[in-house]
């Protein structure tokens, strides 16, 4: 088997081409990964903003409900006491089973 300079040069050229292709592939993968991370971060921020809005809405509704219940209790304390007793009785019966 006779290896000529031409064969060695061809192998070296192939190795150099492989190195360039690998470097390009790594760079492309890195760019793709960075883009994906950026998109994921944007998505997380959108979700966080949406959850913050939902929390604020729920908090406001809860406060309104508490004020409404408070007014009803002030307006009709006997009825509120009977309702609370009834709920407590039913829950105690359910829990004792």
PDB file of N, CA and C in Angstrom:
ATOM      1  N   UNK A   1       0.833  -1.157   0.000  1.00  0.00           N
ATOM      2  CA  UNK A   1       0.000   0.000   0.000  1.00  0.00           C
ATOM      3  C   UNK A   1       0.880   1.223   0.000  1.00  0.00           C
ATOM      4  N   UNK A   2       0.694   1.980  -1.026  1.00  0.00           N
ATOM      5  CA  UNK A   2       1.519   3.163  -1.222  1.00  0.00           C
ATOM      6  C   UNK A   2       0.671   4.405  -0.928  1.00  0.00           C
ATOM      7  N   UNK A   3       1.046   5.173   0.098  1.00  0.00           N
ATOM      8  CA  UNK A   3       0.319   6.385   0.457  1.00  0.00           C
ATOM      9  C   UNK A   3       1.085   7.558  -0.135  1.00  0.00           C
ATOM     10  N   UNK A   4       0.407   8.311  -0.952  1.00  0.00           N
ATOM     11  CA  UNK A   4       1.073   9.438  -1.595  1.00  0.00           C
ATOM     12  C   UNK A   4       0.737  10.729  -0.854  1.00  0.00           C
ATOM     13  N   UNK A   5       1.480  11.759  -1.200  1.00  0.00           N
ATOM     14  CA  UNK A   5       1.266  13.082  -0.606  1.00  0.00           C
ATOM     15  C   UNK A   5      -0.132  13.570  -0.946  1.00  0.00           C
ATOM     16  N   UNK A   6      -0.595  13.217  -2.130  1.00  0.00           N
ATOM     17  CA  UNK A   6      -1.930  13.617  -2.565  1.00  0.00           C
ATOM     18  C   UNK A   6      -2.999  13.017  -1.640  1.00  0.00           C
ATOM     19  N   UNK A   7      -2.842  11.773  -1.245  1.00  0.00           N
ATOM     20  CA  UNK A   7      -3.792  11.125  -0.339  1.00  0.00           C
ATOM     21  C   UNK A   7      -3.763  11.778   1.045  1.00  0.00           C
ATOM     22  N   UNK A   8      -2.579  12.074   1.534  1.00  0.00           N
ATOM     23  CA  UNK A   8      -2.432  12.717   2.847  1.00  0.00           C
ATOM     24  C   UNK A   8      -3.074  14.099   2.820  1.00  0.00           C
ATOM     25  N   UNK A   9      -2.822  14.858   1.749  1.00  0.00           N
ATOM     26  CA  UNK A   9      -3.421  16.185   1.616  1.00  0.00           C
ATOM     27  C   UNK A   9      -4.948  16.095   1.581  1.00  0.00           C
ATOM     28  N   UNK A  10      -5.460  15.078   0.900  1.00  0.00           N
ATOM     29  CA  UNK A  10      -6.911  14.896   0.823  1.00  0.00           C
ATOM     30  C   UNK A  10      -7.485  14.591   2.207  1.00  0.00           C
ATOM     31  N   UNK A  11      -6.803  13.744   2.974  1.00  0.00           N
ATOM     32  CA  UNK A  11      -7.252  13.419   4.331  1.00  0.00           C
ATOM     33  C   UNK A  11      -7.188  14.655   5.213  1.00  0.00           C
ATOM     34  N   UNK A  12      -6.106  15.428   5.112  1.00  0.00           N
ATOM     35  CA  UNK A  12      -5.973  16.650   5.911  1.00  0.00           C
ATOM     36  C   UNK A  12      -7.064  17.661   5.546  1.00  0.00           C
ATOM     37  N   UNK A  13      -7.378  17.758   4.260  1.00  0.00           N
ATOM     38  CA  UNK A  13      -8.443  18.664   3.827  1.00  0.00           C
ATOM     39  C   UNK A  13      -9.790  18.206   4.382  1.00  0.00           C
ATOM     40  N   UNK A  14     -10.020  16.902   4.375  1.00  0.00           N
ATOM     41  CA  UNK A  14     -11.268  16.372   4.935  1.00  0.00           C
ATOM     42  C   UNK A  14     -11.368  16.650   6.438  1.00  0.00           C
ATOM     43  N   UNK A  15     -10.253  16.476   7.145  1.00  0.00           N
ATOM     44  CA  UNK A  15     -10.234  16.738   8.584  1.00  0.00           C
ATOM     45  C   UNK A  15     -10.503  18.221   8.850  1.00  0.00           C
ATOM     46  N   UNK A  16      -9.884  19.101   8.060  1.00  0.00           N
ATOM     47  CA  UNK A  16     -10.101  20.538   8.221  1.00  0.00           C
ATOM     48  C   UNK A  16     -11.569  20.884   7.949  1.00  0.00           C
ATOM     49  N   UNK A  17     -12.150  20.274   6.917  1.00  0.00           N
ATOM     50  CA  UNK A  17     -13.555  20.515   6.594  1.00  0.00           C
ATOM     51  C   UNK A  17     -14.455  20.025   7.734  1.00  0.00           C
ATOM     52  N   UNK A  18     -14.121  18.887   8.311  1.00  0.00           N
ATOM     53  CA  UNK A  18     -14.894  18.364   9.437  1.00  0.00           C
ATOM     54  C   UNK A  18     -14.813  19.303  10.640  1.00  0.00           C
ATOM     55  N   UNK A  19     -13.630  19.851  10.886  1.00  0.00           N
ATOM     56  CA  UNK A  19     -13.458  20.787  11.992  1.00  0.00           C
ATOM     57  C   UNK A  19     -14.318  22.030  11.778  1.00  0.00           C
ATOM     58  N   UNK A  20     -14.328  22.560  10.544  1.00  0.00           N
ATOM     59  CA  UNK A  20     -15.145  23.742  10.247  1.00  0.00           C
ATOM     60  C   UNK A  20     -16.630  23.428  10.413  1.00  0.00           C
ATOM     61  N   UNK A  21     -17.035  22.270   9.886  1.00  0.00           N
ATOM     62  CA  UNK A  21     -18.436  21.884   9.987  1.00  0.00           C
ATOM     63  C   UNK A  21     -18.863  21.694  11.446  1.00  0.00           C
ATOM     64  N   UNK A  22     -17.983  21.089  12.230  1.00  0.00           N
ATOM     65  CA  UNK A  22     -18.270  20.887  13.642  1.00  0.00           C
ATOM     66  C   UNK A  22     -18.369  22.225  14.370  1.00  0.00           C
ATOM     67  N   UNK A  23     -17.456  23.148  14.072  1.00  0.00           N
ATOM     68  CA  UNK A  23     -17.498  24.468  14.690  1.00  0.00           C
ATOM     69  C   UNK A  23     -18.799  25.189  14.327  1.00  0.00           C
ATOM     70  N   UNK A  24     -19.223  25.085  13.057  1.00  0.00           N
ATOM     71  CA  UNK A  24     -20.479  25.702  12.634  1.00  0.00           C
ATOM     72  C   UNK A  24     -21.667  25.069  13.346  1.00  0.00           C
ATOM     73  N   UNK A  25     -21.638  23.742  13.459  1.00  0.00           N
ATOM     74  CA  UNK A  25     -22.742  23.035  14.116  1.00  0.00           C
ATOM     75  C   UNK A  25     -22.837  23.426  15.587  1.00  0.00           C
ATOM     76  N   UNK A  26     -21.690  23.530  16.245  1.00  0.00           N
ATOM     77  CA  UNK A  26     -21.676  23.928  17.655  1.00  0.00           C
ATOM     78  C   UNK A  26     -22.207  25.349  17.802  1.00  0.00           C
ATOM     79  N   UNK A  27     -21.763  26.255  16.922  1.00  0.00           N
ATOM     80  CA  UNK A  27     -22.233  27.638  16.979  1.00  0.00           C
ATOM     81  C   UNK A  27     -23.741  27.708  16.736  1.00  0.00           C
ATOM     82  N   UNK A  28     -24.233  26.955  15.769  1.00  0.00           N
ATOM     83  CA  UNK A  28     -25.661  26.946  15.471  1.00  0.00           C
ATOM     84  C   UNK A  28     -26.454  26.368  16.647  1.00  0.00           C
ATOM     85  N   UNK A  29     -25.945  25.311  17.243  1.00  0.00           N
ATOM     86  CA  UNK A  29     -26.597  24.712  18.404  1.00  0.00           C
ATOM     87  C   UNK A  29     -26.639  25.695  19.561  1.00  0.00           C
ATOM     88  N   UNK A  30     -25.521  26.393  19.759  1.00  0.00           N
ATOM     89  CA  UNK A  30     -25.443  27.374  20.837  1.00  0.00           C
ATOM     90  C   UNK A  30     -26.450  28.497  20.602  1.00  0.00           C
ATOM     91  N   UNK A  31     -26.536  28.998  19.372  1.00  0.00           N
ATOM     92  CA  UNK A  31     -27.492  30.058  19.047  1.00  0.00           C
ATOM     93  C   UNK A  31     -28.919  29.578  19.254  1.00  0.00           C
ATOM     94  N   UNK A  32     -29.196  28.360  18.805  1.00  0.00           N
ATOM     95  CA  UNK A  32     -30.531  27.788  18.948  1.00  0.00           C
ATOM     96  C   UNK A  32     -30.881  27.632  20.419  1.00  0.00           C
ATOM     97  N   UNK A  33     -29.927  27.167  21.203  1.00  0.00           N
ATOM     98  CA  UNK A  33     -30.153  26.986  22.630  1.00  0.00           C
ATOM     99  C   UNK A  33     -30.402  28.324  23.303  1.00  0.00           C
ATOM    100  N   UNK A  34     -29.611  29.343  22.964  1.00  0.00           N
ATOM    101  CA  UNK A  34     -29.797  30.663  23.552  1.00  0.00           C
ATOM    102  C   UNK A  34     -31.155  31.237  23.162  1.00  0.00           C
ATOM    103  N   UNK A  35     -31.562  31.043  21.900  1.00  0.00           N
ATOM    104  CA  UNK A  35     -32.876  31.511  21.468  1.00  0.00           C
ATOM    105  C   UNK A  35     -33.976  30.786  22.235  1.00  0.00           C
ATOM    106  N   UNK A  36     -33.810  29.487  22.400  1.00  0.00           N
ATOM    107  CA  UNK A  36     -34.803  28.704  23.132  1.00  0.00           C
ATOM    108  C   UNK A  36     -34.909  29.137  24.575  1.00  0.00           C
ATOM    109  N   UNK A  37     -33.769  29.425  25.190  1.00  0.00           N
ATOM    110  CA  UNK A  37     -33.767  29.880  26.579  1.00  0.00           C
ATOM    111  C   UNK A  37     -34.451  31.242  26.666  1.00  0.00           C
ATOM    112  N   UNK A  38     -34.148  32.114  25.711  1.00  0.00           N
ATOM    113  CA  UNK A  38     -34.781  33.431  25.701  1.00  0.00           C
ATOM    114  C   UNK A  38     -36.282  33.330  25.551  1.00  0.00           C
ATOM    115  N   UNK A  39     -36.738  32.457  24.656  1.00  0.00           N
ATOM    116  CA  UNK A  39     -38.170  32.259  24.466  1.00  0.00           C
ATOM    117  C   UNK A  39     -38.807  31.671  25.722  1.00  0.00           C
ATOM    118  N   UNK A  40     -38.121  30.740  26.354  1.00  0.00           N
ATOM    119  CA  UNK A  40     -38.650  30.133  27.580  1.00  0.00           C
ATOM    120  C   UNK A  40     -38.754  31.182  28.685  1.00  0.00           C
ATOM    121  N   UNK A  41     -37.753  32.057  28.783  1.00  0.00           N
ATOM    122  CA  UNK A  41     -37.800  33.112  29.797  1.00  0.00           C
ATOM    123  C   UNK A  41     -38.947  34.067  29.531  1.00  0.00           C
ATOM    124  N   UNK A  42     -39.172  34.404  28.267  1.00  0.00           N
ATOM    125  CA  UNK A  42     -40.297  35.273  27.918  1.00  0.00           C
ATOM    126  C   UNK A  42     -41.613  34.616  28.310  1.00  0.00           C
ATOM    127  N   UNK A  43     -41.725  33.323  28.034  1.00  0.00           N
ATOM    128  CA  UNK A  43     -42.944  32.586  28.364  1.00  0.00           C
ATOM    129  C   UNK A  43     -43.164  32.546  29.878  1.00  0.00           C
ATOM    130  N   UNK A  44     -42.091  32.339  30.625  1.00  0.00           N
ATOM    131  CA  UNK A  44     -42.190  32.311  32.094  1.00  0.00           C
ATOM    132  C   UNK A  44     -42.631  33.682  32.616  1.00  0.00           C
ATOM    133  N   UNK A  45     -42.087  34.751  32.038  1.00  0.00           N
ATOM    134  CA  UNK A  45     -42.483  36.094  32.466  1.00  0.00           C
ATOM    135  C   UNK A  45     -43.962  36.351  32.178  1.00  0.00           C
ATOM    136  N   UNK A  46     -44.436  35.904  31.014  1.00  0.00           N
ATOM    137  CA  UNK A  46     -45.850  36.070  30.683  1.00  0.00           C
ATOM    138  C   UNK A  46     -46.729  35.327  31.688  1.00  0.00           C
ATOM    139  N   UNK A  47     -46.335  34.111  32.014  1.00  0.00           N
ATOM    140  CA  UNK A  47     -47.108  33.316  32.972  1.00  0.00           C
ATOM    141  C   UNK A  47     -47.089  33.991  34.343  1.00  0.00           C
ATOM    142  N   UNK A  48     -45.915  34.475  34.741  1.00  0.00           N
ATOM    143  CA  UNK A  48     -45.800  35.136  36.047  1.00  0.00           C
ATOM    144  C   UNK A  48     -46.689  36.374  36.102  1.00  0.00           C
ATOM    145  N   UNK A  49     -46.695  37.175  35.022  1.00  0.00           N
ATOM    146  CA  UNK A  49     -47.546  38.363  34.975  1.00  0.00           C
ATOM    147  C   UNK A  49     -49.021  37.980  35.037  1.00  0.00           C
ATOM    148  N   UNK A  50     -49.384  36.931  34.310  1.00  0.00           N
ATOM    149  CA  UNK A  50     -50.776  36.467  34.313  1.00  0.00           C
ATOM    150  C   UNK A  50     -51.179  35.992  35.706  1.00  0.00           C
ATOM    151  N   UNK A  51     -50.296  35.243  36.373  1.00  0.00           N
ATOM    152  CA  UNK A  51     -50.601  34.771  37.716  1.00  0.00           C
ATOM    153  C   UNK A  51     -50.708  35.919  38.710  1.00  0.00           C
ATOM    154  N   UNK A  52     -49.861  36.932  38.541  1.00  0.00           N
ATOM    155  CA  UNK A  52     -49.933  38.095  39.426  1.00  0.00           C
ATOM    156  C   UNK A  52     -51.273  38.802  39.257  1.00  0.00           C
ATOM    157  N   UNK A  53     -51.735  38.929  38.012  1.00  0.00           N
ATOM    158  CA  UNK A  53     -53.037  39.539  37.765  1.00  0.00           C
ATOM    159  C   UNK A  53     -54.164  38.726  38.363  1.00  0.00           C
ATOM    160  N   UNK A  54     -54.103  37.406  38.213  1.00  0.00           N
ATOM    161  CA  UNK A  54     -55.128  36.533  38.791  1.00  0.00           C
ATOM    162  C   UNK A  54     -55.130  36.623  40.311  1.00  0.00           C
ATOM    163  N   UNK A  55     -53.940  36.705  40.916  1.00  0.00           N
ATOM    164  CA  UNK A  55     -53.845  36.822  42.371  1.00  0.00           C
ATOM    165  C   UNK A  55     -54.474  38.126  42.846  1.00  0.00           C
ATOM    166  N   UNK A  56     -54.196  39.214  42.128  1.00  0.00           N
ATOM    167  CA  UNK A  56     -54.782  40.508  42.507  1.00  0.00           C
ATOM    168  C   UNK A  56     -56.298  40.461  42.414  1.00  0.00           C
ATOM    169  N   UNK A  57     -56.805  39.874  41.323  1.00  0.00           N
ATOM    170  CA  UNK A  57     -58.258  39.768  41.156  1.00  0.00           C
ATOM    171  C   UNK A  57     -58.878  38.925  42.266  1.00  0.00           C
ATOM    172  N   UNK A  58     -58.264  37.799  42.566  1.00  0.00           N
ATOM    173  CA  UNK A  58     -58.786  36.920  43.615  1.00  0.00           C
ATOM    174  C   UNK A  58     -58.743  37.613  44.972  1.00  0.00           C
ATOM    175  N   UNK A  59     -57.675  38.359  45.202  1.00  0.00           N
ATOM    176  CA  UNK A  59     -57.541  39.079  46.463  1.00  0.00           C
ATOM    177  C   UNK A  59     -58.632  40.137  46.604  1.00  0.00           C
ATOM    178  N   UNK A  60     -58.872  40.875  45.530  1.00  0.00           N
ATOM    179  CA  UNK A  60     -59.930  41.894  45.568  1.00  0.00           C
ATOM    180  C   UNK A  60     -61.295  41.258  45.795  1.00  0.00           C
ATOM    181  N   UNK A  61     -61.566  40.161  45.088  1.00  0.00           N
ATOM    182  CA  UNK A  61     -62.844  39.477  45.268  1.00  0.00           C
ATOM    183  C   UNK A  61     -63.000  38.942  46.685  1.00  0.00           C
ATOM    184  N   UNK A  62     -61.925  38.407  47.226  1.00  0.00           N
ATOM    185  CA  UNK A  62     -61.963  37.896  48.593  1.00  0.00           C
ATOM    186  C   UNK A  62     -62.252  39.000  49.594  1.00  0.00           C
ATOM    187  N   UNK A  63     -61.626  40.159  49.398  1.00  0.00           N
ATOM    188  CA  UNK A  63     -61.870  41.280  50.295  1.00  0.00           C
ATOM    189  C   UNK A  63     -63.315  41.766  50.190  1.00  0.00           C
ATOM    190  N   UNK A  64     -63.832  41.829  48.950  1.00  0.00           N
ATOM    191  CA  UNK A  64     -65.226  42.239  48.770  1.00  0.00           C
ATOM    192  C   UNK A  64     -66.173  41.252  49.435  1.00  0.00           C
ATOM    193  N   UNK A  65     -65.875  39.971  49.279  1.00  0.00           N
ATOM    194  CA  UNK A  65     -66.721  38.941  49.879  1.00  0.00           C
ATOM    195  C   UNK A  65     -66.694  39.041  51.393  1.00  0.00           C
ATOM    196  N   UNK A  66     -65.521  39.252  51.960  1.00  0.00           N
ATOM    197  CA  UNK A  66     -65.407  39.372  53.415  1.00  0.00           C
ATOM    198  C   UNK A  66     -66.177  40.586  53.921  1.00  0.00           C
ATOM    199  N   UNK A  67     -66.087  41.689  53.201  1.00  0.00           N
ATOM    200  CA  UNK A  67     -66.844  42.887  53.607  1.00  0.00           C
ATOM    201  C   UNK A  67     -68.338  42.623  53.527  1.00  0.00           C
ATOM    202  N   UNK A  68     -68.762  41.943  52.461  1.00  0.00           N
ATOM    203  CA  UNK A  68     -70.176  41.626  52.287  1.00  0.00           C
ATOM    204  C   UNK A  68     -70.673  40.716  53.411  1.00  0.00           C
ATOM    205  N   UNK A  69     -69.904  39.694  53.736  1.00  0.00           N
ATOM    206  CA  UNK A  69     -70.274  38.774  54.813  1.00  0.00           C
ATOM    207  C   UNK A  69     -70.306  39.532  56.137  1.00  0.00           C
ATOM    208  N   UNK A  70     -69.329  40.398  56.343  1.00  0.00           N
ATOM    209  CA  UNK A  70     -69.297  41.199  57.574  1.00  0.00           C
ATOM    210  C   UNK A  70     -70.536  42.068  57.712  1.00  0.00           C
ATOM    211  N   UNK A  71     -70.959  42.705  56.613  1.00  0.00           N
ATOM    212  CA  UNK A  71     -72.163  43.537  56.646  1.00  0.00           C
ATOM    213  C   UNK A  71     -73.400  42.697  56.946  1.00  0.00           C
ATOM    214  N   UNK A  72     -73.478  41.516  56.323  1.00  0.00           N
ATOM    215  CA  UNK A  72     -74.636  40.639  56.552  1.00  0.00           C
ATOM    216  C   UNK A  72     -74.694  40.194  58.009  1.00  0.00           C
ATOM    217  N   UNK A  73     -73.532  39.883  58.578  1.00  0.00           N
ATOM    218  CA  UNK A  73     -73.485  39.463  59.986  1.00  0.00           C
ATOM    219  C   UNK A  73     -73.912  40.622  60.882  1.00  0.00           C
ATOM    220  N   UNK A  74     -73.466  41.833  60.555  1.00  0.00           N
ATOM    221  CA  UNK A  74     -73.863  42.998  61.355  1.00  0.00           C
ATOM    222  C   UNK A  74     -75.359  43.266  61.228  1.00  0.00           C
ATOM    223  N   UNK A  75     -75.886  43.096  60.007  1.00  0.00           N
ATOM    224  CA  UNK A  75     -77.307  43.353  59.781  1.00  0.00           C
ATOM    225  C   UNK A  75     -78.200  42.293  60.423  1.00  0.00           C
ATOM    226  N   UNK A  76     -77.774  41.028  60.400  1.00  0.00           N
ATOM    227  CA  UNK A  76     -78.590  39.927  60.910  1.00  0.00           C
ATOM    228  C   UNK A  76     -77.731  38.980  61.761  1.00  0.00           C
ATOM    229  N   UNK A  77     -77.371  39.413  62.963  1.00  0.00           N
ATOM    230  CA  UNK A  77     -76.461  38.586  63.783  1.00  0.00           C
ATOM    231  C   UNK A  77     -77.077  37.250  64.217  1.00  0.00           C
ATOM    232  N   UNK A  78     -78.341  37.203  64.488  1.00  0.00           N
ATOM    233  CA  UNK A  78     -78.959  35.955  64.934  1.00  0.00           C
ATOM    234  C   UNK A  78     -78.970  34.937  63.796  1.00  0.00           C
ATOM    235  N   UNK A  79     -79.337  35.374  62.600  1.00  0.00           N
ATOM    236  CA  UNK A  79     -79.356  34.469  61.451  1.00  0.00           C
ATOM    237  C   UNK A  79     -77.943  33.964  61.159  1.00  0.00           C
ATOM    238  N   UNK A  80     -76.954  34.855  61.262  1.00  0.00           N
ATOM    239  CA  UNK A  80     -75.569  34.453  61.015  1.00  0.00           C
ATOM    240  C   UNK A  80     -75.113  33.419  62.037  1.00  0.00           C
ATOM    241  N   UNK A  81     -75.512  33.615  63.292  1.00  0.00           N
ATOM    242  CA  UNK A  81     -75.154  32.670  64.343  1.00  0.00           C
ATOM    243  C   UNK A  81     -75.798  31.307  64.091  1.00  0.00           C
ATOM    244  N   UNK A  82     -77.061  31.289  63.677  1.00  0.00           N
ATOM    245  CA  UNK A  82     -77.742  30.024  63.392  1.00  0.00           C
ATOM    246  C   UNK A  82     -77.127  29.309  62.182  1.00  0.00           C
ATOM    247  N   UNK A  83     -76.773  30.075  61.169  1.00  0.00           N
ATOM    248  CA  UNK A  83     -76.130  29.482  59.986  1.00  0.00           C
ATOM    249  C   UNK A  83     -74.786  28.875  60.365  1.00  0.00           C
ATOM    250  N   UNK A  84     -73.995  29.628  61.158  1.00  0.00           N
ATOM    251  CA  UNK A  84     -72.684  29.129  61.581  1.00  0.00           C
ATOM    252  C   UNK A  84     -72.837  27.860  62.412  1.00  0.00           C
ATOM    253  N   UNK A  85     -73.824  27.842  63.305  1.00  0.00           N
ATOM    254  CA  UNK A  85     -74.065  26.650  64.117  1.00  0.00           C
ATOM    255  C   UNK A  85     -74.456  25.464  63.232  1.00  0.00           C
ATOM    256  N   UNK A  86     -75.339  25.701  62.253  1.00  0.00           N
ATOM    257  CA  UNK A  86     -75.776  24.637  61.346  1.00  0.00           C
ATOM    258  C   UNK A  86     -74.621  24.065  60.541  1.00  0.00           C
ATOM    259  N   UNK A  87     -73.793  24.932  60.016  1.00  0.00           N
ATOM    260  CA  UNK A  87     -72.628  24.475  59.241  1.00  0.00           C
ATOM    261  C   UNK A  87     -71.680  23.667  60.121  1.00  0.00           C
ATOM    262  N   UNK A  88     -71.444  24.163  61.334  1.00  0.00           N
ATOM    263  CA  UNK A  88     -70.572  23.447  62.267  1.00  0.00           C
ATOM    264  C   UNK A  88     -71.115  22.084  62.625  1.00  0.00           C
ATOM    265  N   UNK A  89     -72.427  22.012  62.837  1.00  0.00           N
ATOM    266  CA  UNK A  89     -73.062  20.734  63.176  1.00  0.00           C
ATOM    267  C   UNK A  89     -72.923  19.734  62.035  1.00  0.00           C
ATOM    268  N   UNK A  90     -73.217  20.190  60.800  1.00  0.00           N
ATOM    269  CA  UNK A  90     -73.106  19.297  59.642  1.00  0.00           C
ATOM    270  C   UNK A  90     -71.671  18.816  59.466  1.00  0.00           C
ATOM    271  N   UNK A  91     -70.715  19.717  59.572  1.00  0.00           N
ATOM    272  CA  UNK A  91     -69.294  19.327  59.428  1.00  0.00           C
ATOM    273  C   UNK A  91     -68.874  18.349  60.517  1.00  0.00           C
ATOM    274  N   UNK A  92     -69.348  18.573  61.740  1.00  0.00           N
ATOM    275  CA  UNK A  92     -68.963  17.656  62.817  1.00  0.00           C
ATOM    276  C   UNK A  92     -69.525  16.252  62.577  1.00  0.00           C
ATOM    277  N   UNK A  93     -70.727  16.185  62.028  1.00  0.00           N
ATOM    278  CA  UNK A  93     -71.329  14.886  61.713  1.00  0.00           C
ATOM    279  C   UNK A  93     -70.569  14.191  60.593  1.00  0.00           C
ATOM    280  N   UNK A  94     -70.120  14.964  59.587  1.00  0.00           N
ATOM    281  CA  UNK A  94     -69.364  14.379  58.484  1.00  0.00           C
ATOM    282  C   UNK A  94     -67.987  13.899  58.932  1.00  0.00           C
ATOM    283  N   UNK A  95     -67.374  14.649  59.787  1.00  0.00           N
ATOM    284  CA  UNK A  95     -66.021  14.293  60.247  1.00  0.00           C
ATOM    285  C   UNK A  95     -66.062  13.100  61.209  1.00  0.00           C
ATOM    286  N   UNK A  96     -67.124  12.992  62.007  1.00  0.00           N
ATOM    287  CA  UNK A  96     -67.184  11.894  62.989  1.00  0.00           C
ATOM    288  C   UNK A  96     -67.370  10.537  62.328  1.00  0.00           C
ATOM    289  N   UNK A  97     -67.746  10.500  61.073  1.00  0.00           N
ATOM    290  CA  UNK A  97     -67.945   9.209  60.383  1.00  0.00           C
ATOM    291  C   UNK A  97     -66.644   8.683  60.004  1.00  0.00           C
TER     292      UNK A  97
END
